[in-house]
Amino acid sequence: MTIFFDQDLLLENDRALLEPLTEKHFELLLPIAMHTELWEFTGAKIKSEADFKRYFDTALSEKKAGSSYPFAIFDKLHNQYAGCTRYGNISFPNKRVEIGWTWYHPALQRSGINKACKFLLLCFGFETLGLNRIELKTGTLNFKSQGAMRKIGAIQEGVFRNHMINDDGLVRDTMYFSFIKADWPKIKSDIFKEFIDIEPSH
């Protein structure tokens, strides 16, 4: 699966284009990242350009190390970059990845872009990479994120107490959700049916 990191993965449907994150995206995404409300419930606390540079460089370093694959999100409907997401905590021996580190311009939240992106990532994960499990996680206080996960069919599994320490020193409890391979066909047909007639390209 090392070839996975050598590819420029372009995942695309009518609404979203996921591009491999590169240095060119820093200036394009910086204005979005400066909406500090995006980071209220995240582990990372971005308050300045320097904060975002560290976050951005970490994403690129993780890709180089083979532990994550970050994407820049382009919203085709609004013809603008919308945010960022990634496959992380990648374990190909266990056929498992996490989808996370996802954020969107506040004006594009609840606009359908998240659902379009998740469909692309879930499809590629289960149908091309042959994964058995795709997991998501969020803080127990992030009710908006939890609702978004349930809305796309993710199954809530449980809470990891004192799971991580945020950049601001707060100890966070983390709620885990997942999709598994056996459940994907029904979730795809029931929840993502608007995308099925137009298969994603990659």
Protein backbone atom coordinates (compact mmCIF):
# COMPACT_ATOMS: atom_id res chain seq x y z
CA MET A 1 0.00 0.00 0.00
CA THR A 2 3.02 2.33 0.02
CA ILE A 3 2.05 3.29 -3.54
CA PHE A 4 -0.95 5.01 -1.94
CA PHE A 5 1.35 7.78 -0.73
CA ASP A 6 3.13 8.07 -4.06
CA GLN A 7 -0.09 8.84 -5.92
CA ASP A 8 -1.70 12.21 -6.44
CA LEU A 9 -5.17 11.15 -5.38
CA LEU A 10 -7.88 13.33 -6.90
CA LEU A 11 -11.32 12.39 -5.59
CA GLU A 12 -14.18 14.15 -7.32
CA ASN A 13 -17.93 14.29 -7.72
CA ASP A 14 -20.34 17.00 -8.91
CA ARG A 15 -19.94 19.00 -5.69
CA ALA A 16 -16.45 18.42 -4.30
CA LEU A 17 -12.89 17.99 -5.48
CA LEU A 18 -10.37 16.63 -2.99
CA GLU A 19 -6.79 17.47 -3.99
CA PRO A 20 -3.63 16.20 -2.28
CA LEU A 21 -2.49 18.92 0.10
CA THR A 22 0.67 20.68 -1.12
CA GLU A 23 2.58 23.85 -0.28
CA LYS A 24 0.50 25.78 -2.82
CA HIS A 25 -2.57 25.37 -0.64
CA PHE A 26 -1.16 27.23 2.37
CA GLU A 27 -2.03 30.72 1.11
CA LEU A 28 -5.32 29.48 -0.33
CA LEU A 29 -6.49 27.97 2.96
CA LEU A 30 -5.00 30.51 5.36
CA PRO A 31 -7.95 32.98 5.20
CA ILE A 32 -10.34 30.14 6.05
CA ALA A 33 -8.18 28.91 8.93
CA MET A 34 -8.20 32.38 10.45
CA HIS A 35 -11.88 31.93 11.36
CA THR A 36 -10.98 31.07 14.94
CA GLU A 37 -14.42 29.63 15.70
CA LEU A 38 -13.44 26.61 13.59
CA TRP A 39 -11.02 25.52 16.30
CA GLU A 40 -13.24 25.90 19.37
CA PHE A 41 -13.67 22.15 19.89
CA THR A 42 -10.57 20.81 18.11
CA GLY A 43 -7.28 19.68 19.56
CA ALA A 44 -5.45 22.28 17.51
CA LYS A 45 -6.00 25.92 18.49
CA ILE A 46 -5.26 28.14 15.50
CA LYS A 47 -5.06 31.84 16.39
CA SER A 48 -2.37 33.14 14.05
CA GLU A 49 -0.66 32.50 10.73
CA ALA A 50 2.23 30.90 12.62
CA ASP A 51 -0.17 28.48 14.35
CA PHE A 52 -1.63 27.47 11.01
CA LYS A 53 1.83 27.06 9.47
CA ARG A 54 2.73 24.56 12.19
CA TYR A 55 -0.55 22.72 11.67
CA PHE A 56 -0.11 22.73 7.89
CA ASP A 57 3.51 21.56 8.03
CA THR A 58 2.57 18.76 10.41
CA ALA A 59 0.00 17.50 7.89
CA LEU A 60 2.62 17.45 5.12
CA SER A 61 5.15 15.75 7.42
CA GLU A 62 2.64 13.05 8.32
CA LYS A 63 2.04 12.39 4.63
CA LYS A 64 5.78 12.05 4.05
CA ALA A 65 5.98 9.64 7.01
CA GLY A 66 3.07 7.58 5.68
CA SER A 67 0.77 8.12 8.65
CA SER A 68 -1.81 10.37 7.01
CA TYR A 69 -2.97 11.64 3.61
CA PRO A 70 -4.30 15.22 3.77
CA PHE A 71 -6.54 16.83 1.17
CA ALA A 72 -7.51 20.38 0.28
CA ILE A 73 -11.25 20.66 -0.41
CA PHE A 74 -12.50 22.62 -3.42
CA ASP A 75 -16.21 23.41 -3.54
CA LYS A 76 -17.21 23.17 -7.21
CA LEU A 77 -20.65 24.69 -6.61
CA HIS A 78 -19.23 27.89 -5.14
CA ASN A 79 -15.96 27.78 -7.11
CA GLN A 80 -13.76 28.25 -4.08
CA TYR A 81 -11.55 26.34 -1.66
CA ALA A 82 -13.65 25.24 1.26
CA GLY A 83 -11.29 23.70 3.80
CA CYS A 84 -9.30 20.60 4.56
CA THR A 85 -9.67 16.93 5.54
CA ARG A 86 -7.49 13.82 5.69
CA TYR A 87 -7.14 10.12 6.08
CA GLY A 88 -5.21 9.69 9.32
CA ASN A 89 -4.07 7.00 11.75
CA ILE A 90 -3.66 4.79 8.70
CA SER A 91 -3.17 1.08 9.40
CA PHE A 92 -3.19 -0.88 6.17
CA PRO A 93 -2.26 -4.18 7.92
CA ASN A 94 -5.53 -3.83 9.85
CA LYS A 95 -7.43 -2.37 6.87
CA ARG A 96 -8.37 0.68 8.92
CA VAL A 97 -8.15 4.46 8.58
CA GLU A 98 -9.64 7.48 10.28
CA ILE A 99 -11.32 10.37 8.46
CA GLY A 100 -10.75 13.55 10.37
CA TRP A 101 -8.96 16.88 10.80
CA THR A 102 -11.87 18.24 8.78
CA TRP A 103 -12.84 21.89 8.70
CA TYR A 104 -14.81 24.11 6.34
CA HIS A 105 -15.32 27.81 5.85
CA PRO A 106 -18.13 28.77 8.27
CA ALA A 107 -20.27 30.01 5.36
CA LEU A 108 -20.15 26.55 3.76
CA GLN A 109 -21.07 24.53 6.82
CA ARG A 110 -24.44 22.78 6.49
CA SER A 111 -24.31 23.43 2.73
CA GLY A 112 -23.85 19.80 1.65
CA ILE A 113 -20.10 19.97 1.05
CA ASN A 114 -19.32 17.73 4.03
CA LYS A 115 -21.64 14.99 2.82
CA ALA A 116 -20.13 15.15 -0.68
CA CYS A 117 -16.61 14.87 0.73
CA LYS A 118 -17.44 12.04 3.10
CA PHE A 119 -19.01 10.08 0.24
CA LEU A 120 -15.80 10.38 -1.76
CA LEU A 121 -13.62 9.30 1.15
CA LEU A 122 -15.87 6.43 2.19
CA CYS A 123 -16.22 5.15 -1.37
CA PHE A 124 -12.49 5.21 -2.01
CA GLY A 125 -11.76 3.65 1.37
CA PHE A 126 -14.16 0.74 1.12
CA GLU A 127 -14.34 0.16 -2.63
CA THR A 128 -10.81 0.93 -3.82
CA LEU A 129 -8.57 0.44 -0.79
CA GLY A 130 -10.66 -2.51 0.49
CA LEU A 131 -10.79 -1.28 4.07
CA ASN A 132 -12.75 -3.04 6.79
CA ARG A 133 -13.21 -0.02 9.05
CA ILE A 134 -13.26 3.75 8.74
CA GLU A 135 -13.46 5.64 12.00
CA LEU A 136 -14.20 9.21 13.05
CA LYS A 137 -13.81 10.91 16.39
CA THR A 138 -14.73 14.19 18.05
CA GLY A 139 -14.76 15.79 21.48
CA THR A 140 -17.69 14.97 23.74
CA LEU A 141 -18.58 18.68 23.85
CA ASN A 142 -18.68 19.06 20.07
CA PHE A 143 -22.37 18.39 19.56
CA LYS A 144 -22.40 19.86 16.05
CA SER A 145 -19.74 17.41 14.88
CA GLN A 146 -21.48 14.49 16.59
CA GLY A 147 -24.73 15.38 14.84
CA ALA A 148 -22.99 15.59 11.48
CA MET A 149 -21.48 12.13 11.98
CA ARG A 150 -24.81 10.57 12.89
CA LYS A 151 -26.47 12.28 9.93
CA ILE A 152 -24.22 10.44 7.47
CA GLY A 153 -24.78 7.05 9.12
CA ALA A 154 -21.74 6.71 11.37
CA ILE A 155 -22.30 4.45 14.38
CA GLN A 156 -21.45 5.84 17.80
CA GLU A 157 -19.21 3.41 19.66
CA GLY A 158 -18.16 4.95 22.95
CA VAL A 159 -16.14 7.52 24.84
CA PHE A 160 -12.41 7.42 25.50
CA ARG A 161 -11.98 9.30 28.78
CA ASN A 162 -9.02 11.69 29.15
CA HIS A 163 -8.11 10.73 25.62
CA MET A 164 -6.01 13.71 24.57
CA ILE A 165 -4.71 17.09 25.61
CA ASN A 166 -5.64 20.04 23.42
CA ASP A 167 -3.15 22.73 22.46
CA ASP A 168 -4.64 24.93 25.16
CA GLY A 169 -3.97 22.30 27.84
CA LEU A 170 -7.57 21.12 28.21
CA VAL A 171 -7.88 17.36 28.78
CA ARG A 172 -10.46 16.08 26.32
CA ASP A 173 -12.80 13.10 26.38
CA THR A 174 -13.24 11.76 22.85
CA MET A 175 -16.29 10.11 21.27
CA TYR A 176 -15.62 7.51 18.58
CA PHE A 177 -17.83 6.70 15.59
CA SER A 178 -17.26 4.24 12.77
CA PHE A 179 -18.34 2.75 9.48
CA ILE A 180 -17.53 -0.88 8.68
CA LYS A 181 -17.39 -2.67 5.36
CA ALA A 182 -20.47 -4.83 5.97
CA ASP A 183 -22.63 -1.76 6.65
CA TRP A 184 -21.39 0.36 3.76
CA PRO A 185 -23.69 -0.88 0.92
CA LYS A 186 -26.86 -0.03 2.86
CA ILE A 187 -25.51 3.28 4.14
CA LYS A 188 -24.44 4.16 0.61
CA SER A 189 -27.85 3.39 -0.89
CA ASP A 190 -29.91 4.91 1.92
CA ILE A 191 -27.96 7.99 2.96
CA PHE A 192 -25.81 8.85 -0.04
CA LYS A 193 -28.30 7.90 -2.74
CA GLU A 194 -28.08 11.29 -4.46
CA PHE A 195 -24.48 10.51 -5.39
CA ILE A 196 -24.93 6.95 -6.61
CA ASP A 197 -26.05 7.69 -10.15
CA ILE A 198 -22.91 9.73 -10.66
CA GLU A 199 -20.03 7.57 -9.43
CA PRO A 200 -17.06 9.43 -7.95
CA SER A 201 -13.92 9.67 -10.04
CA HIS A 202 -10.35 9.21 -8.88
